Amino acid sequence: MAKLILLRHGESLYNKQHLFTGWSDVELSQKGEEEAKKAGQILRKHQLYPDICFTSWLKRAIHTAQLTLKELEWEHINCLKSWKLNERHYGAWQQCNKSAIEQAVGDTMFVAVRRGFTAAPPHLEPDDPRAAQREAKYHAVDPSKLPLGESLKQTQARVLAYYDKMIVPLLKEGQTVLICAHGNSLRGLVKMLENIDDKSIENVEVATGVPIIYTLDDALQVHSKEILGLS
């Protein structure tokens, strides 16, 4: 059986400030760094050593993976990065205070966009400084493929396309795969793995720095799930 380890990055500076982060490339907070190290301790305690690591192009996820693998003393493995594992793009809400947005748009719309599956935030304009099309790291990506705002459904679609192409073949070989990504990119993956319906996904939260371990059968169906802590 294969094992799939999902790890949301540790707390970021924007998490700490209660801002919508999205594709904004912010660093881990001190607490986030400690959460990443703790994740490595947890994996070591449970003797979970991945064969390969995948992460996004955002440094809060990259640095979480690095700190986790360093704590695990398992830094030699390959770590493949893709923008398709990036966090959901929060469009015009990106870098805005969550409470201020909720007050401005009302509770119903706020919850529908933040927690729901199909609702999307207002999109950025292409010339907005926050648009990924204006960032050097995305210069080789077709601009039409870079979002200006996404629903969870749209985020899930790009994550699953990458998962099917790059990760499924490794799981079929029985490898242990670590994906270090983001709250919503991982929520989309969890929705698929656990066959969660569109309404129930609103109540699913992926905690920062806490490893989720799926054991998958030969058909890559979930055989068991563990959410690990040090205790």
C-alpha atoms as a PDB file:
ATOM      1  CA  MET A   1       0.000   0.000   0.000  1.00  0.00           C
ATOM      2  CA  ALA A   2       1.105   3.540  -0.725  1.00  0.00           C
ATOM      3  CA  LYS A   3       1.139   6.387   1.761  1.00  0.00           C
ATOM      4  CA  LEU A   4       0.231   9.975   0.994  1.00  0.00           C
ATOM      5  CA  ILE A   5       1.295  12.614   3.513  1.00  0.00           C
ATOM      6  CA  LEU A   6      -0.471  15.976   3.277  1.00  0.00           C
ATOM      7  CA  LEU A   7       1.056  18.897   5.148  1.00  0.00           C
ATOM      8  CA  ARG A   8      -0.236  22.455   5.129  1.00  0.00           C
ATOM      9  CA  HIS A   9       2.515  25.023   5.560  1.00  0.00           C
ATOM     10  CA  GLY A  10       3.074  26.506   8.990  1.00  0.00           C
ATOM     11  CA  GLU A  11       1.495  29.802   9.989  1.00  0.00           C
ATOM     12  CA  SER A  12       2.483  32.611   7.612  1.00  0.00           C
ATOM     13  CA  LEU A  13       2.881  36.291   8.382  1.00  0.00           C
ATOM     14  CA  TYR A  14      -0.446  36.990   6.656  1.00  0.00           C
ATOM     15  CA  ASN A  15      -2.157  34.187   8.594  1.00  0.00           C
ATOM     16  CA  LYS A  16      -0.942  35.900  11.745  1.00  0.00           C
ATOM     17  CA  GLN A  17      -2.333  39.252  10.557  1.00  0.00           C
ATOM     18  CA  HIS A  18      -5.692  37.720   9.465  1.00  0.00           C
ATOM     19  CA  LEU A  19      -5.174  38.694   5.817  1.00  0.00           C
ATOM     20  CA  PHE A  20      -6.259  36.766   2.738  1.00  0.00           C
ATOM     21  CA  THR A  21      -2.970  35.424   1.412  1.00  0.00           C
ATOM     22  CA  GLY A  22      -3.710  33.524  -1.785  1.00  0.00           C
ATOM     23  CA  TRP A  23      -0.771  33.763  -4.193  1.00  0.00           C
ATOM     24  CA  SER A  24       0.944  36.513  -2.181  1.00  0.00           C
ATOM     25  CA  ASP A  25       4.413  35.112  -1.521  1.00  0.00           C
ATOM     26  CA  VAL A  26       4.871  35.781   2.178  1.00  0.00           C
ATOM     27  CA  GLU A  27       7.160  34.136   4.680  1.00  0.00           C
ATOM     28  CA  LEU A  28       6.421  31.894   7.623  1.00  0.00           C
ATOM     29  CA  SER A  29       5.964  33.502  11.008  1.00  0.00           C
ATOM     30  CA  GLN A  30       8.164  32.312  13.877  1.00  0.00           C
ATOM     31  CA  LYS A  31       5.246  30.140  14.993  1.00  0.00           C
ATOM     32  CA  GLY A  32       5.005  28.760  11.461  1.00  0.00           C
ATOM     33  CA  GLU A  33       8.670  27.786  11.470  1.00  0.00           C
ATOM     34  CA  GLU A  34       8.166  25.955  14.744  1.00  0.00           C
ATOM     35  CA  GLU A  35       5.095  24.188  13.333  1.00  0.00           C
ATOM     36  CA  ALA A  36       7.159  22.994  10.358  1.00  0.00           C
ATOM     37  CA  LYS A  37       9.883  21.649  12.635  1.00  0.00           C
ATOM     38  CA  LYS A  38       7.292  19.948  14.814  1.00  0.00           C
ATOM     39  CA  ALA A  39       5.850  18.251  11.724  1.00  0.00           C
ATOM     40  CA  GLY A  40       9.283  16.768  11.064  1.00  0.00           C
ATOM     41  CA  GLN A  41       9.463  15.526  14.647  1.00  0.00           C
ATOM     42  CA  ILE A  42       6.044  13.913  14.258  1.00  0.00           C
ATOM     43  CA  LEU A  43       7.011  12.144  11.055  1.00  0.00           C
ATOM     44  CA  ARG A  44      10.250  10.912  12.618  1.00  0.00           C
ATOM     45  CA  LYS A  45       8.405   9.625  15.674  1.00  0.00           C
ATOM     46  CA  HIS A  46       6.056   7.641  13.436  1.00  0.00           C
ATOM     47  CA  GLN A  47       8.882   6.467  11.168  1.00  0.00           C
ATOM     48  CA  LEU A  48       7.322   8.081   8.116  1.00  0.00           C
ATOM     49  CA  TYR A  49      10.038   8.802   5.581  1.00  0.00           C
ATOM     50  CA  PRO A  50       8.783  10.015   2.187  1.00  0.00           C
ATOM     51  CA  ASP A  51      10.374   8.869  -1.047  1.00  0.00           C
ATOM     52  CA  ILE A  52       9.649  12.222  -2.705  1.00  0.00           C
ATOM     53  CA  CYS A  53       8.236  15.626  -1.816  1.00  0.00           C
ATOM     54  CA  PHE A  54       6.016  17.961  -3.822  1.00  0.00           C
ATOM     55  CA  THR A  55       5.360  21.590  -3.029  1.00  0.00           C
ATOM     56  CA  SER A  56       4.124  24.831  -4.590  1.00  0.00           C
ATOM     57  CA  TRP A  57       6.015  27.851  -5.878  1.00  0.00           C
ATOM     58  CA  LEU A  58       5.188  29.828  -2.731  1.00  0.00           C
ATOM     59  CA  LYS A  59       7.952  30.127  -0.166  1.00  0.00           C
ATOM     60  CA  ARG A  60       5.807  29.484   2.890  1.00  0.00           C
ATOM     61  CA  ALA A  61       5.201  25.957   1.548  1.00  0.00           C
ATOM     62  CA  ILE A  62       8.751  25.526   0.215  1.00  0.00           C
ATOM     63  CA  HIS A  63      10.302  26.560   3.527  1.00  0.00           C
ATOM     64  CA  THR A  64       7.894  24.367   5.481  1.00  0.00           C
ATOM     65  CA  ALA A  65       9.001  21.392   3.390  1.00  0.00           C
ATOM     66  CA  GLN A  66      12.661  22.283   3.916  1.00  0.00           C
ATOM     67  CA  LEU A  67      12.299  22.691   7.686  1.00  0.00           C
ATOM     68  CA  THR A  68      10.231  19.511   7.993  1.00  0.00           C
ATOM     69  CA  LEU A  69      12.716  17.405   6.024  1.00  0.00           C
ATOM     70  CA  LYS A  70      15.649  18.905   7.922  1.00  0.00           C
ATOM     71  CA  GLU A  71      14.046  17.956  11.244  1.00  0.00           C
ATOM     72  CA  LEU A  72      13.344  14.508   9.826  1.00  0.00           C
ATOM     73  CA  GLU A  73      17.005  14.281   8.710  1.00  0.00           C
ATOM     74  CA  TRP A  74      15.696  13.347   5.258  1.00  0.00           C
ATOM     75  CA  GLU A  75      16.836  16.220   3.062  1.00  0.00           C
ATOM     76  CA  HIS A  76      18.313  14.082   0.288  1.00  0.00           C
ATOM     77  CA  ILE A  77      14.999  13.284  -1.413  1.00  0.00           C
ATOM     78  CA  ASN A  78      13.824  15.142  -4.491  1.00  0.00           C
ATOM     79  CA  CYS A  79      11.398  18.010  -3.935  1.00  0.00           C
ATOM     80  CA  LEU A  80       9.424  18.933  -7.042  1.00  0.00           C
ATOM     81  CA  LYS A  81       7.716  22.304  -7.210  1.00  0.00           C
ATOM     82  CA  SER A  82       4.732  23.418  -9.261  1.00  0.00           C
ATOM     83  CA  TRP A  83       2.541  26.531  -9.341  1.00  0.00           C
ATOM     84  CA  LYS A  84      -0.376  24.143  -9.805  1.00  0.00           C
ATOM     85  CA  LEU A  85      -0.063  23.310  -6.091  1.00  0.00           C
ATOM     86  CA  ASN A  86      -0.268  26.994  -5.140  1.00  0.00           C
ATOM     87  CA  GLU A  87      -2.924  28.209  -2.755  1.00  0.00           C
ATOM     88  CA  ARG A  88      -6.292  29.249  -4.106  1.00  0.00           C
ATOM     89  CA  HIS A  89      -6.084  32.677  -5.736  1.00  0.00           C
ATOM     90  CA  TYR A  90      -8.197  35.068  -3.690  1.00  0.00           C
ATOM     91  CA  GLY A  91      -8.458  37.677  -6.434  1.00  0.00           C
ATOM     92  CA  ALA A  92      -9.331  41.175  -5.280  1.00  0.00           C
ATOM     93  CA  TRP A  93      -9.553  39.952  -1.677  1.00  0.00           C
ATOM     94  CA  GLN A  94      -5.873  39.051  -1.677  1.00  0.00           C
ATOM     95  CA  GLN A  95      -3.851  40.951   0.962  1.00  0.00           C
ATOM     96  CA  CYS A  96      -7.075  42.335   2.492  1.00  0.00           C
ATOM     97  CA  ASN A  97      -8.145  41.976   6.109  1.00  0.00           C
ATOM     98  CA  LYS A  98     -10.688  39.181   6.497  1.00  0.00           C
ATOM     99  CA  SER A  99     -12.862  41.027   8.987  1.00  0.00           C
ATOM    100  CA  ALA A 100     -12.955  44.121   6.786  1.00  0.00           C
ATOM    101  CA  ILE A 101     -14.017  42.040   3.770  1.00  0.00           C
ATOM    102  CA  GLU A 102     -16.713  40.296   5.802  1.00  0.00           C
ATOM    103  CA  GLN A 103     -18.079  43.630   6.961  1.00  0.00           C
ATOM    104  CA  ALA A 104     -18.032  45.002   3.408  1.00  0.00           C
ATOM    105  CA  VAL A 105     -19.719  42.084   1.599  1.00  0.00           C
ATOM    106  CA  GLY A 106     -21.855  40.576   4.366  1.00  0.00           C
ATOM    107  CA  ASP A 107     -21.700  37.258   6.144  1.00  0.00           C
ATOM    108  CA  THR A 108     -23.548  35.239   3.493  1.00  0.00           C
ATOM    109  CA  MET A 109     -21.247  36.125   0.610  1.00  0.00           C
ATOM    110  CA  PHE A 110     -18.154  35.986   2.812  1.00  0.00           C
ATOM    111  CA  VAL A 111     -18.870  32.429   3.973  1.00  0.00           C
ATOM    112  CA  ALA A 112     -19.923  31.287   0.488  1.00  0.00           C
ATOM    113  CA  VAL A 113     -16.641  32.451  -1.020  1.00  0.00           C
ATOM    114  CA  ARG A 114     -14.310  31.566   1.812  1.00  0.00           C
ATOM    115  CA  ARG A 115     -15.718  28.146   2.702  1.00  0.00           C
ATOM    116  CA  GLY A 116     -17.922  27.121  -0.232  1.00  0.00           C
ATOM    117  CA  PHE A 117     -16.995  25.083  -3.301  1.00  0.00           C
ATOM    118  CA  THR A 118     -18.219  27.070  -6.292  1.00  0.00           C
ATOM    119  CA  ALA A 119     -18.268  30.757  -5.267  1.00  0.00           C
ATOM    120  CA  ALA A 120     -15.261  32.859  -6.276  1.00  0.00           C
ATOM    121  CA  PRO A 121     -14.023  36.231  -5.031  1.00  0.00           C
ATOM    122  CA  PRO A 122     -13.996  39.255  -7.352  1.00  0.00           C
ATOM    123  CA  HIS A 123     -11.170  38.874  -9.856  1.00  0.00           C
ATOM    124  CA  LEU A 124      -8.150  41.114 -10.071  1.00  0.00           C
ATOM    125  CA  GLU A 125      -7.639  43.256 -13.145  1.00  0.00           C
ATOM    126  CA  PRO A 126      -4.748  41.912 -15.283  1.00  0.00           C
ATOM    127  CA  ASP A 127      -2.693  45.063 -14.646  1.00  0.00           C
ATOM    128  CA  ASP A 128      -3.130  44.877 -10.862  1.00  0.00           C
ATOM    129  CA  PRO A 129       0.257  44.725  -9.080  1.00  0.00           C
ATOM    130  CA  ARG A 130      -0.997  41.642  -7.190  1.00  0.00           C
ATOM    131  CA  ALA A 131      -1.561  39.666 -10.409  1.00  0.00           C
ATOM    132  CA  ALA A 132       0.751  36.669 -10.903  1.00  0.00           C
ATOM    133  CA  GLN A 133       1.165  37.691 -14.550  1.00  0.00           C
ATOM    134  CA  ARG A 134       3.284  40.589 -13.286  1.00  0.00           C
ATOM    135  CA  GLU A 135       5.631  38.402 -11.214  1.00  0.00           C
ATOM    136  CA  ALA A 136       8.970  37.316 -12.649  1.00  0.00           C
ATOM    137  CA  LYS A 137       8.681  33.737 -11.367  1.00  0.00           C
ATOM    138  CA  TYR A 138       5.695  33.096 -13.648  1.00  0.00           C
ATOM    139  CA  HIS A 139       7.270  34.546 -16.801  1.00  0.00           C
ATOM    140  CA  ALA A 140       7.466  31.137 -18.528  1.00  0.00           C
ATOM    141  CA  VAL A 141       3.831  30.239 -17.765  1.00  0.00           C
ATOM    142  CA  ASP A 142       1.138  30.993 -20.335  1.00  0.00           C
ATOM    143  CA  PRO A 143      -0.534  34.101 -18.833  1.00  0.00           C
ATOM    144  CA  SER A 144      -3.964  32.796 -19.825  1.00  0.00           C
ATOM    145  CA  LYS A 145      -3.455  29.842 -17.470  1.00  0.00           C
ATOM    146  CA  LEU A 146      -2.702  32.026 -14.450  1.00  0.00           C
ATOM    147  CA  PRO A 147      -5.822  32.813 -12.408  1.00  0.00           C
ATOM    148  CA  LEU A 148      -6.973  36.279 -11.371  1.00  0.00           C
ATOM    149  CA  GLY A 149      -9.293  34.745  -8.766  1.00  0.00           C
ATOM    150  CA  GLU A 150     -10.554  31.223  -8.085  1.00  0.00           C
ATOM    151  CA  SER A 151     -13.283  29.212  -6.438  1.00  0.00           C
ATOM    152  CA  LEU A 152     -12.306  26.113  -4.512  1.00  0.00           C
ATOM    153  CA  LYS A 153     -13.686  24.099  -7.442  1.00  0.00           C
ATOM    154  CA  GLN A 154     -11.299  25.811  -9.851  1.00  0.00           C
ATOM    155  CA  THR A 155      -8.401  25.353  -7.445  1.00  0.00           C
ATOM    156  CA  GLN A 156      -9.222  21.670  -7.110  1.00  0.00           C
ATOM    157  CA  ALA A 157      -9.259  21.231 -10.896  1.00  0.00           C
ATOM    158  CA  ARG A 158      -5.664  22.406 -11.353  1.00  0.00           C
ATOM    159  CA  VAL A 159      -4.436  20.498  -8.298  1.00  0.00           C
ATOM    160  CA  LEU A 160      -6.066  17.246  -9.419  1.00  0.00           C
ATOM    161  CA  ALA A 161      -4.702  17.609 -12.954  1.00  0.00           C
ATOM    162  CA  TYR A 162      -1.194  17.794 -11.486  1.00  0.00           C
ATOM    163  CA  TYR A 163      -1.896  15.025  -8.975  1.00  0.00           C
ATOM    164  CA  ASP A 164      -3.119  12.656 -11.699  1.00  0.00           C
ATOM    165  CA  LYS A 165      -0.140  13.355 -13.954  1.00  0.00           C
ATOM    166  CA  MET A 166       2.746  13.550 -11.483  1.00  0.00           C
ATOM    167  CA  ILE A 167       1.751  11.898  -8.207  1.00  0.00           C
ATOM    168  CA  VAL A 168      -0.607   9.039  -9.061  1.00  0.00           C
ATOM    169  CA  PRO A 169       2.093   7.083 -10.977  1.00  0.00           C
ATOM    170  CA  LEU A 170       4.355   7.183  -7.902  1.00  0.00           C
ATOM    171  CA  LEU A 171       1.574   6.081  -5.578  1.00  0.00           C
ATOM    172  CA  LYS A 172       0.820   3.189  -7.926  1.00  0.00           C
ATOM    173  CA  GLU A 173       4.419   2.089  -7.397  1.00  0.00           C
ATOM    174  CA  GLY A 174       3.790   2.012  -3.649  1.00  0.00           C
ATOM    175  CA  GLN A 175       5.889   5.071  -2.870  1.00  0.00           C
ATOM    176  CA  THR A 176       5.377   7.336   0.126  1.00  0.00           C
ATOM    177  CA  VAL A 177       4.654  10.851  -1.138  1.00  0.00           C
ATOM    178  CA  LEU A 178       4.739  14.099   0.855  1.00  0.00           C
ATOM    179  CA  ILE A 179       2.735  17.047  -0.486  1.00  0.00           C
ATOM    180  CA  CYS A 180       3.492  20.270   1.347  1.00  0.00           C
ATOM    181  CA  ALA A 181       0.997  22.854   0.142  1.00  0.00           C
ATOM    182  CA  HIS A 182      -1.829  25.117   1.285  1.00  0.00           C
ATOM    183  CA  GLY A 183      -5.168  25.095   3.054  1.00  0.00           C
ATOM    184  CA  ASN A 184      -7.317  25.208  -0.072  1.00  0.00           C
ATOM    185  CA  SER A 185      -5.126  23.300  -2.505  1.00  0.00           C
ATOM    186  CA  LEU A 186      -5.125  20.507   0.077  1.00  0.00           C
ATOM    187  CA  ARG A 187      -8.863  20.865   0.798  1.00  0.00           C
ATOM    188  CA  GLY A 188      -9.522  20.178  -2.864  1.00  0.00           C
ATOM    189  CA  LEU A 189      -7.388  17.049  -2.702  1.00  0.00           C
ATOM    190  CA  VAL A 190      -9.035  15.891   0.542  1.00  0.00           C
ATOM    191  CA  LYS A 191     -12.453  16.388  -1.066  1.00  0.00           C
ATOM    192  CA  MET A 192     -11.513  13.966  -3.841  1.00  0.00           C
ATOM    193  CA  LEU A 193      -9.783  11.411  -1.623  1.00  0.00           C
ATOM    194  CA  GLU A 194     -12.649  11.223   0.862  1.00  0.00           C
ATOM    195  CA  ASN A 195     -15.456  11.739  -1.657  1.00  0.00           C
ATOM    196  CA  ILE A 196     -16.791  14.718   0.290  1.00  0.00           C
ATOM    197  CA  ASP A 197     -19.860  16.408  -1.191  1.00  0.00           C
ATOM    198  CA  ASP A 198     -19.914  20.051  -2.244  1.00  0.00           C
ATOM    199  CA  LYS A 199     -21.821  21.211   0.842  1.00  0.00           C
ATOM    200  CA  SER A 200     -19.852  19.261   3.446  1.00  0.00           C
ATOM    201  CA  ILE A 201     -16.487  20.574   2.223  1.00  0.00           C
ATOM    202  CA  GLU A 202     -17.471  23.909   3.789  1.00  0.00           C
ATOM    203  CA  ASN A 203     -16.767  22.372   7.204  1.00  0.00           C
ATOM    204  CA  VAL A 204     -13.401  20.832   6.337  1.00  0.00           C
ATOM    205  CA  GLU A 205     -10.365  22.650   7.687  1.00  0.00           C
ATOM    206  CA  VAL A 206      -6.727  21.670   7.183  1.00  0.00           C
ATOM    207  CA  ALA A 207      -4.650  22.813  10.152  1.00  0.00           C
ATOM    208  CA  THR A 208      -1.234  24.415   9.698  1.00  0.00           C
ATOM    209  CA  GLY A 209       1.741  22.148  10.323  1.00  0.00           C
ATOM    210  CA  VAL A 210      -0.240  18.988  11.135  1.00  0.00           C
ATOM    211  CA  PRO A 211       0.536  15.913   8.979  1.00  0.00           C
ATOM    212  CA  ILE A 212      -2.415  13.994   7.538  1.00  0.00           C
ATOM    213  CA  ILE A 213      -1.537  10.436   6.558  1.00  0.00           C
ATOM    214  CA  TYR A 214      -3.560   8.483   4.022  1.00  0.00           C
ATOM    215  CA  THR A 215      -2.870   4.812   3.421  1.00  0.00           C
ATOM    216  CA  LEU A 216      -4.093   3.949  -0.068  1.00  0.00           C
ATOM    217  CA  ASP A 217      -4.949   0.548  -1.499  1.00  0.00           C
ATOM    218  CA  ASP A 218      -3.886  -0.708  -4.931  1.00  0.00           C
ATOM    219  CA  ALA A 219      -6.758   1.225  -6.543  1.00  0.00           C
ATOM    220  CA  LEU A 220      -5.606   4.360  -4.662  1.00  0.00           C
ATOM    221  CA  GLN A 221      -8.754   4.379  -2.568  1.00  0.00           C
ATOM    222  CA  VAL A 222      -8.385   5.469   1.049  1.00  0.00           C
ATOM    223  CA  HIS A 223      -7.784   2.472   3.317  1.00  0.00           C
ATOM    224  CA  SER A 224      -7.122   4.558   6.426  1.00  0.00           C
ATOM    225  CA  LYS A 225      -6.513   8.127   7.544  1.00  0.00           C
ATOM    226  CA  GLU A 226      -4.559   9.495  10.507  1.00  0.00           C
ATOM    227  CA  ILE A 227      -4.073  13.055  11.682  1.00  0.00           C
ATOM    228  CA  LEU A 228      -0.850  12.961  13.646  1.00  0.00           C
ATOM    229  CA  GLY A 229       0.299  14.777  16.755  1.00  0.00           C
ATOM    230  CA  LEU A 230       3.235  14.277  19.078  1.00  0.00           C
ATOM    231  CA  SER A 231       1.158  12.750  21.879  1.00  0.00           C
END
